[in-house]
Amino acid sequence: MTSLCSPPVESSVPPPRTSAPRPLIPPPLLPDPLDLSFPLAPCSLQTPIPPPPPLPPPPATVAAPPLVYGLEKHQLLKEALEKASPNPKGREDVKRLLKLHKDRFRSDLQWILSCADLPSLIQEGPQCGLVALWMAGALLSPPSGVPLETLVQVAMDRGYTAQGEMFSVADMGRLAQETLGCQAELLRNGLGGPNRDLVLQHLLTGHPLLIPYDEDFNHEPCKRRGHKAHWAVSAGVLLGVQVVPSLGYAEDPELPGLFHPMPSMPCQPPPLPKENTSGTIFLLCKQGKSWHYQLWDYDQVQESNLQLTDFSPSRAADGRDDSHISAALRRRYCFPAHVREEETEPQECKSCAQGHNRARPHPHATWL
């Protein structure tokens, strides 16, 4: 029995537990996709594509260069020669040439060599005459002479050439006098007769000689009536003599019987070979298709120079306008030389078909 005032009996079931309240954290705000103030990752797909660069301006319209007869062939030749060997030094090249041709020299004679050091230049297109003139100019006006481009431009401005070729030695002489500041003398009646001694004395003093001739396959003179007309320049001569003067000459240590003038001593002029003595005179020449000197028999050069009468049929039949070609190619040559300035007098030009006058030096002009 229980008392009414007894305490209530406690329940054995525990009351339910309530968790403590957690703080409320708002979620992070996403960046506004239109807000470009935030840098975007380089690989983001939202990286804007830059605008394309502006188009380059159209190339300027340049007229095609004129077609020059034979230019491609000469450029290929020039590249091949430049790859084959460098430009040889003059003395070494001359000595190589003499050793190569020593069997051509008469053993009963002694030989005197006088040769100036000509530079070499390979022509591009039909520029053989202007290239020969450039070589002569480099010898007359060292160290580099007059640029070839100047010779070409003046020749074209004066109407002497259309594509670089020179058919008139009268024009060549005028061009030499204007551009090189020298006197150019045109010799008539070939390399023989009284002109022979004049030419030899000219070369022995170290001055150049420009010679038109017919070119064979090996660049030596031949006779094709002008169909293979070409220009060469000579600044050296090899003379076969009975006795070498005792004053001013020294024998070559490598080539017995060959004598050179001694530059530091006065030199007695050598005796010139007599007329009609073949194999006693050789010219050392260069032309625009080779770096090297060439040794040509004087009589062979004379015969080639005398028969330049016709124009190449292959060139005449190629359809090009060759109305500028002068008729003065036949039987002419010229050589520039240093002389003192002389007055000139006009004289009708009989060496070309252009009907103009040329200046001719007075006969008393003195060679140096």
Protein backbone atom coordinates (compact mmCIF):
# COMPACT_ATOMS: atom_id res chain seq x y z
CA MET A 1 0.00 0.00 0.00
CA THR A 2 1.31 3.36 -0.88
CA SER A 3 1.05 6.65 0.80
CA LEU A 4 -0.62 9.50 -0.87
CA CYS A 5 2.28 11.75 -0.07
CA SER A 6 5.02 9.60 -1.53
CA PRO A 7 7.11 11.07 -4.40
CA PRO A 8 6.25 10.04 -7.92
CA VAL A 9 8.10 7.18 -9.35
CA GLU A 10 10.74 8.32 -12.00
CA SER A 11 10.43 6.89 -15.49
CA SER A 12 13.25 4.64 -16.68
CA VAL A 13 13.08 5.94 -20.37
CA PRO A 14 15.61 8.77 -21.05
CA PRO A 15 14.25 11.89 -22.65
CA PRO A 16 15.08 12.58 -26.34
CA ARG A 17 18.27 14.60 -27.05
CA THR A 18 18.12 17.73 -29.09
CA SER A 19 21.25 18.77 -31.26
CA ALA A 20 22.87 22.12 -30.75
CA PRO A 21 22.00 24.73 -33.39
CA ARG A 22 24.62 25.14 -36.29
CA PRO A 23 25.63 28.48 -37.82
CA LEU A 24 24.19 29.30 -41.23
CA ILE A 25 26.88 29.85 -43.98
CA PRO A 26 25.59 31.22 -47.25
CA PRO A 27 26.86 29.50 -50.45
CA PRO A 28 29.61 31.30 -52.49
CA LEU A 29 28.41 33.66 -55.12
CA LEU A 30 29.19 32.66 -58.73
CA PRO A 31 31.12 35.30 -60.74
CA ASP A 32 29.13 37.23 -63.19
CA PRO A 33 30.00 35.77 -66.66
CA LEU A 34 29.72 39.22 -68.15
CA ASP A 35 32.10 40.71 -65.62
CA LEU A 36 35.36 40.91 -67.58
CA SER A 37 37.26 42.45 -64.70
CA PHE A 38 38.39 39.00 -63.60
CA PRO A 39 41.19 37.51 -65.66
CA LEU A 40 40.26 34.31 -67.39
CA ALA A 41 42.45 31.27 -67.61
CA PRO A 42 44.34 30.90 -70.88
CA CYS A 43 42.65 27.59 -71.57
CA SER A 44 39.21 28.87 -70.81
CA LEU A 45 36.68 28.36 -73.53
CA GLN A 46 35.52 31.86 -72.88
CA THR A 47 38.82 33.46 -74.08
CA PRO A 48 37.90 35.92 -76.79
CA ILE A 49 39.41 35.25 -80.26
CA PRO A 50 41.59 38.17 -81.39
CA PRO A 51 40.66 39.77 -84.68
CA PRO A 52 42.70 38.67 -87.72
CA PRO A 53 45.64 40.88 -88.73
CA PRO A 54 45.05 43.29 -91.56
CA LEU A 55 45.82 42.04 -95.05
CA PRO A 56 49.21 43.11 -96.44
CA PRO A 57 49.13 45.77 -99.11
CA PRO A 58 49.11 44.45 -102.66
CA PRO A 59 52.60 44.24 -104.22
CA ALA A 60 53.63 47.13 -106.37
CA THR A 61 53.27 46.47 -110.03
CA VAL A 62 56.77 46.09 -111.49
CA ALA A 63 57.28 45.79 -115.19
CA ALA A 64 58.98 42.60 -116.27
CA PRO A 65 62.66 43.12 -117.13
CA PRO A 66 63.39 43.20 -120.83
CA LEU A 67 64.41 39.93 -122.40
CA VAL A 68 68.15 40.01 -122.90
CA TYR A 69 69.56 37.76 -125.57
CA GLY A 70 71.70 35.00 -124.04
CA LEU A 71 71.35 36.24 -120.44
CA GLU A 72 70.18 32.93 -118.95
CA LYS A 73 73.04 31.00 -120.53
CA HIS A 74 75.62 33.48 -119.29
CA GLN A 75 74.19 33.50 -115.76
CA LEU A 76 74.47 29.71 -115.61
CA LEU A 77 78.04 29.96 -116.86
CA LYS A 78 78.88 32.59 -114.25
CA GLU A 79 77.45 30.48 -111.41
CA ALA A 80 79.34 27.41 -112.60
CA LEU A 81 82.63 29.30 -112.83
CA GLU A 82 82.18 30.82 -109.37
CA LYS A 83 81.59 27.36 -107.89
CA ALA A 84 84.46 25.76 -109.80
CA SER A 85 87.33 27.96 -108.67
CA PRO A 86 88.00 31.42 -107.25
CA ASN A 87 89.45 34.24 -109.27
CA PRO A 88 93.16 33.36 -109.59
CA LYS A 89 95.90 35.87 -108.91
CA GLY A 90 97.41 37.39 -112.02
CA ARG A 91 101.06 36.37 -111.68
CA GLU A 92 100.21 32.83 -110.63
CA ASP A 93 97.75 32.48 -113.50
CA VAL A 94 100.26 33.74 -116.07
CA LYS A 95 102.95 31.37 -114.80
CA ARG A 96 100.50 28.46 -114.92
CA LEU A 97 99.64 29.39 -118.50
CA LEU A 98 103.26 29.61 -119.63
CA LYS A 99 104.11 26.25 -118.09
CA LEU A 100 101.11 24.73 -119.83
CA HIS A 101 102.17 26.06 -123.25
CA LYS A 102 105.95 25.90 -122.96
CA ASP A 103 106.14 23.50 -125.91
CA ARG A 104 104.86 26.27 -128.19
CA PHE A 105 107.87 28.50 -127.59
CA ARG A 106 110.87 28.25 -129.88
CA SER A 107 113.91 26.95 -128.05
CA ASP A 108 116.30 29.00 -130.20
CA LEU A 109 114.87 32.24 -128.79
CA GLN A 110 114.80 33.94 -125.43
CA TRP A 111 111.48 35.25 -124.23
CA ILE A 112 110.53 38.55 -122.63
CA LEU A 113 107.23 38.77 -120.76
CA SER A 114 105.57 42.11 -120.02
CA CYS A 115 102.10 41.78 -118.49
CA ALA A 116 99.98 44.09 -116.36
CA ASP A 117 97.69 42.55 -113.75
CA LEU A 118 94.21 42.61 -115.27
CA PRO A 119 91.18 41.89 -113.06
CA SER A 120 88.58 39.36 -114.17
CA LEU A 121 84.83 39.76 -114.54
CA ILE A 122 82.28 37.25 -115.84
CA GLN A 123 79.73 38.79 -118.17
CA GLU A 124 75.95 38.52 -117.83
CA GLY A 125 74.25 38.48 -121.19
CA PRO A 126 75.82 40.06 -124.28
CA GLN A 127 78.10 42.42 -122.34
CA CYS A 128 81.46 41.12 -123.57
CA GLY A 129 82.56 44.52 -124.88
CA LEU A 130 81.55 46.44 -121.78
CA VAL A 131 83.11 43.82 -119.52
CA ALA A 132 86.36 44.10 -121.50
CA LEU A 133 86.17 47.88 -121.14
CA TRP A 134 85.58 47.49 -117.39
CA MET A 135 88.74 45.37 -117.10
CA ALA A 136 90.71 48.01 -118.97
CA GLY A 137 89.22 50.73 -116.77
CA ALA A 138 90.18 48.88 -113.59
CA LEU A 139 93.77 48.85 -114.88
CA LEU A 140 93.77 52.53 -115.90
CA SER A 141 91.91 53.79 -112.80
CA PRO A 142 92.79 51.55 -109.85
CA PRO A 143 91.72 50.20 -107.46
CA SER A 144 88.26 49.41 -108.79
CA GLY A 145 87.82 51.51 -111.91
CA VAL A 146 84.38 52.59 -113.08
CA PRO A 147 81.44 50.35 -112.08
CA LEU A 148 80.12 48.15 -114.86
CA GLU A 149 76.62 49.48 -114.18
CA THR A 150 77.85 52.97 -115.04
CA LEU A 151 79.32 51.79 -118.34
CA VAL A 152 76.08 50.01 -119.24
CA GLN A 153 73.90 52.98 -118.31
CA VAL A 154 75.98 55.53 -120.20
CA ALA A 155 76.13 53.27 -123.25
CA MET A 156 72.34 52.90 -123.23
CA ASP A 157 71.77 56.63 -122.63
CA ARG A 158 73.99 57.48 -125.60
CA GLY A 159 72.28 54.95 -127.85
CA TYR A 160 75.40 52.81 -128.22
CA THR A 161 73.66 49.64 -127.05
CA ALA A 162 70.22 48.19 -126.39
CA GLN A 163 71.05 45.10 -124.32
CA GLY A 164 74.71 45.56 -123.45
CA GLU A 165 76.31 44.52 -126.73
CA MET A 166 78.78 46.82 -128.50
CA PHE A 167 78.92 46.50 -132.29
CA SER A 168 80.75 49.75 -133.04
CA VAL A 169 84.34 50.32 -131.96
CA ALA A 170 83.83 54.01 -132.65
CA ASP A 171 81.12 53.98 -129.98
CA MET A 172 83.41 51.97 -127.74
CA GLY A 173 86.13 54.60 -128.10
CA ARG A 174 83.74 57.43 -127.26
CA LEU A 175 82.44 55.52 -124.27
CA ALA A 176 85.98 54.87 -123.01
CA GLN A 177 86.92 58.53 -123.27
CA GLU A 178 83.76 59.70 -121.52
CA THR A 179 83.67 57.20 -118.66
CA LEU A 180 87.35 56.42 -118.06
CA GLY A 181 88.76 59.86 -118.75
CA CYS A 182 91.36 58.42 -121.11
CA GLN A 183 92.12 58.76 -124.80
CA ALA A 184 90.93 55.98 -127.09
CA GLU A 185 92.64 55.60 -130.44
CA LEU A 186 90.95 53.67 -133.24
CA LEU A 187 93.49 51.92 -135.45
CA ARG A 188 92.69 51.21 -139.07
CA ASN A 189 93.91 48.39 -141.31
CA GLY A 190 94.29 45.73 -138.66
CA LEU A 191 97.06 44.62 -136.33
CA GLY A 192 99.73 44.28 -139.00
CA GLY A 193 101.89 46.69 -140.93
CA PRO A 194 102.96 49.85 -139.13
CA ASN A 195 100.28 49.26 -136.50
CA ARG A 196 102.08 46.18 -135.20
CA ASP A 197 104.99 48.02 -133.61
CA LEU A 198 102.62 50.67 -132.23
CA VAL A 199 100.51 47.98 -130.57
CA LEU A 200 103.54 46.18 -129.12
CA GLN A 201 105.03 49.37 -127.72
CA HIS A 202 101.64 50.24 -126.26
CA LEU A 203 101.40 46.89 -124.46
CA LEU A 204 105.02 47.05 -123.26
CA THR A 205 104.18 50.27 -121.41
CA GLY A 206 101.39 48.48 -119.51
CA HIS A 207 98.35 49.89 -121.29
CA PRO A 208 95.33 47.79 -122.33
CA LEU A 209 94.22 46.85 -125.83
CA LEU A 210 90.56 46.12 -126.68
CA ILE A 211 90.15 43.62 -129.53
CA PRO A 212 87.00 42.39 -131.28
CA TYR A 213 87.45 38.93 -132.77
CA ASP A 214 85.58 35.70 -133.56
CA GLU A 215 85.48 33.38 -130.56
CA ASP A 216 86.06 29.64 -130.94
CA PHE A 217 84.68 26.99 -128.56
CA ASN A 218 87.78 27.38 -126.34
CA HIS A 219 87.54 31.22 -126.45
CA GLU A 220 90.54 31.49 -128.79
CA PRO A 221 90.39 33.50 -132.02
CA CYS A 222 88.91 31.83 -135.08
CA LYS A 223 87.50 32.92 -138.43
CA ARG A 224 83.68 32.80 -138.66
CA ARG A 225 83.11 36.07 -140.57
CA GLY A 226 81.77 37.73 -137.43
CA HIS A 227 79.17 35.06 -136.60
CA LYS A 228 80.92 34.46 -133.25
CA ALA A 229 81.98 38.05 -132.62
CA HIS A 230 83.37 38.65 -129.14
CA TRP A 231 85.51 41.18 -127.27
CA ALA A 232 88.76 40.60 -125.39
CA VAL A 233 91.22 42.84 -123.58
CA SER A 234 94.98 42.41 -123.65
CA ALA A 235 97.50 43.97 -121.30
CA GLY A 236 100.44 41.66 -121.84
CA VAL A 237 102.81 40.49 -124.55
CA LEU A 238 105.36 37.68 -124.83
CA LEU A 239 108.19 38.39 -127.27
CA GLY A 240 110.72 35.94 -128.67
CA VAL A 241 114.07 37.67 -129.21
CA GLN A 242 117.61 36.63 -130.06
CA VAL A 243 119.23 38.63 -127.26
CA VAL A 244 117.70 40.05 -124.08
CA PRO A 245 118.90 43.58 -123.21
CA SER A 246 121.31 43.57 -120.30
CA LEU A 247 119.66 46.49 -118.50
CA GLY A 248 116.55 45.97 -116.39
CA TYR A 249 115.65 42.29 -116.95
CA ALA A 250 115.80 39.24 -114.69
CA GLU A 251 115.44 35.57 -115.62
CA ASP A 252 112.55 33.64 -114.14
CA PRO A 253 113.77 31.13 -111.51
CA GLU A 254 111.17 28.53 -112.53
CA LEU A 255 111.16 28.97 -116.31
CA PRO A 256 114.67 29.17 -117.79
CA GLY A 257 114.85 31.38 -120.85
CA LEU A 258 111.98 33.62 -119.67
CA PHE A 259 112.85 37.16 -118.63
CA HIS A 260 110.81 39.80 -116.79
CA PRO A 261 111.35 43.56 -116.61
CA MET A 262 112.51 44.58 -113.15
CA PRO A 263 110.04 47.18 -111.85
CA SER A 264 112.54 48.93 -109.57
CA MET A 265 115.13 49.54 -112.30
CA PRO A 266 115.20 51.45 -115.57
CA CYS A 267 114.42 49.06 -118.38
CA GLN A 268 115.82 49.17 -121.90
CA PRO A 269 113.09 48.57 -124.51
CA PRO A 270 113.39 45.09 -126.00
CA PRO A 271 114.04 44.60 -129.71
CA LEU A 272 110.82 43.85 -131.55
CA PRO A 273 110.63 40.72 -133.71
CA LYS A 274 110.86 41.28 -137.44
CA GLU A 275 107.82 41.16 -139.66
CA ASN A 276 106.73 37.78 -141.02
CA THR A 277 108.51 35.83 -138.27
CA SER A 278 105.74 33.56 -137.06
CA GLY A 279 105.63 32.22 -133.53
CA THR A 280 107.54 35.11 -131.97
CA ILE A 281 104.70 37.25 -130.57
CA PHE A 282 101.94 36.14 -128.21
CA LEU A 283 99.25 38.24 -126.54
CA LEU A 284 98.00 37.61 -123.02
CA CYS A 285 94.27 38.31 -123.03
CA LYS A 286 91.17 38.04 -120.90
CA GLN A 287 87.50 37.93 -121.90
CA GLY A 288 84.18 37.77 -120.08
CA LYS A 289 83.66 33.99 -120.07
CA SER A 290 86.65 32.90 -118.00
CA TRP A 291 88.60 33.99 -114.94
CA HIS A 292 91.91 33.03 -116.54
CA TYR A 293 94.44 34.61 -118.85
CA GLN A 294 94.75 33.12 -122.32
CA LEU A 295 97.80 33.03 -124.57
CA TRP A 296 97.06 33.79 -128.22
CA ASP A 297 99.36 33.88 -131.22
CA TYR A 298 99.54 37.43 -132.55
CA ASP A 299 99.01 36.41 -136.18
CA GLN A 300 95.94 34.38 -135.22
CA VAL A 301 94.40 37.39 -133.47
CA GLN A 302 95.20 39.61 -136.45
CA GLU A 303 93.52 37.27 -138.92
CA SER A 304 90.40 36.92 -136.77
CA ASN A 305 90.10 40.67 -136.31
CA LEU A 306 90.35 41.34 -140.06
CA GLN A 307 87.39 39.18 -141.11
CA LEU A 308 84.57 40.55 -138.90
CA THR A 309 82.21 41.38 -141.74
CA ASP A 310 78.84 39.71 -141.07
CA PHE A 311 76.18 39.49 -138.39
CA SER A 312 75.30 36.12 -136.85
CA PRO A 313 72.44 34.50 -138.84
CA SER A 314 71.08 32.82 -135.70
CA ARG A 315 70.80 36.17 -133.98
CA ALA A 316 69.33 37.84 -137.04
CA ALA A 317 66.64 35.14 -137.31
CA ASP A 318 65.48 35.23 -133.68
CA GLY A 319 62.86 37.91 -134.34
CA ARG A 320 64.39 40.57 -132.12
CA ASP A 321 64.69 44.21 -133.05
CA ASP A 322 68.36 44.74 -133.85
CA SER A 323 67.99 48.00 -135.73
CA HIS A 324 70.45 49.61 -133.31
CA ILE A 325 73.34 47.48 -134.59
CA SER A 326 76.03 49.50 -136.28
CA ALA A 327 77.83 48.45 -139.42
CA ALA A 328 81.18 49.34 -137.85
CA LEU A 329 82.01 45.88 -136.56
CA ARG A 330 84.22 45.01 -139.52
CA ARG A 331 87.97 45.39 -139.35
CA ARG A 332 88.25 47.70 -136.36
CA TYR A 333 89.67 47.69 -132.87
CA CYS A 334 90.52 50.30 -130.28
CA PHE A 335 92.62 50.62 -127.17
CA PRO A 336 92.32 53.16 -124.37
CA ALA A 337 95.54 54.68 -123.05
CA HIS A 338 96.68 57.36 -120.64
CA VAL A 339 97.65 60.47 -122.57
CA ARG A 340 97.76 64.12 -121.68
CA GLU A 341 94.62 66.05 -122.43
CA GLU A 342 94.58 67.32 -125.99
CA GLU A 343 92.20 69.45 -127.96
CA THR A 344 89.92 67.59 -130.30
CA GLU A 345 88.51 68.48 -133.63
CA PRO A 346 85.27 67.15 -135.12
CA GLN A 347 85.54 64.65 -137.90
CA GLU A 348 82.85 62.79 -139.78
CA CYS A 349 82.40 59.33 -138.31
CA LYS A 350 82.98 56.79 -141.07
CA SER A 351 82.97 53.85 -138.68
CA CYS A 352 79.27 53.69 -137.98
CA ALA A 353 75.99 54.20 -139.77
CA GLN A 354 74.50 56.81 -137.44
CA GLY A 355 75.48 59.93 -139.37
CA HIS A 356 77.00 61.83 -136.42
CA ASN A 357 80.38 63.35 -135.78
CA ARG A 358 83.06 62.11 -133.43
CA ALA A 359 85.98 63.84 -131.79
CA ARG A 360 89.38 62.73 -133.09
CA PRO A 361 92.60 63.49 -131.20
CA HIS A 362 95.14 65.63 -133.02
CA PRO A 363 97.88 63.55 -134.62
CA HIS A 364 100.43 65.06 -132.22
CA ALA A 365 98.80 63.52 -129.15
CA THR A 366 101.57 61.97 -127.07
CA TRP A 367 101.37 58.47 -125.62
CA LEU A 368 102.52 57.99 -122.04
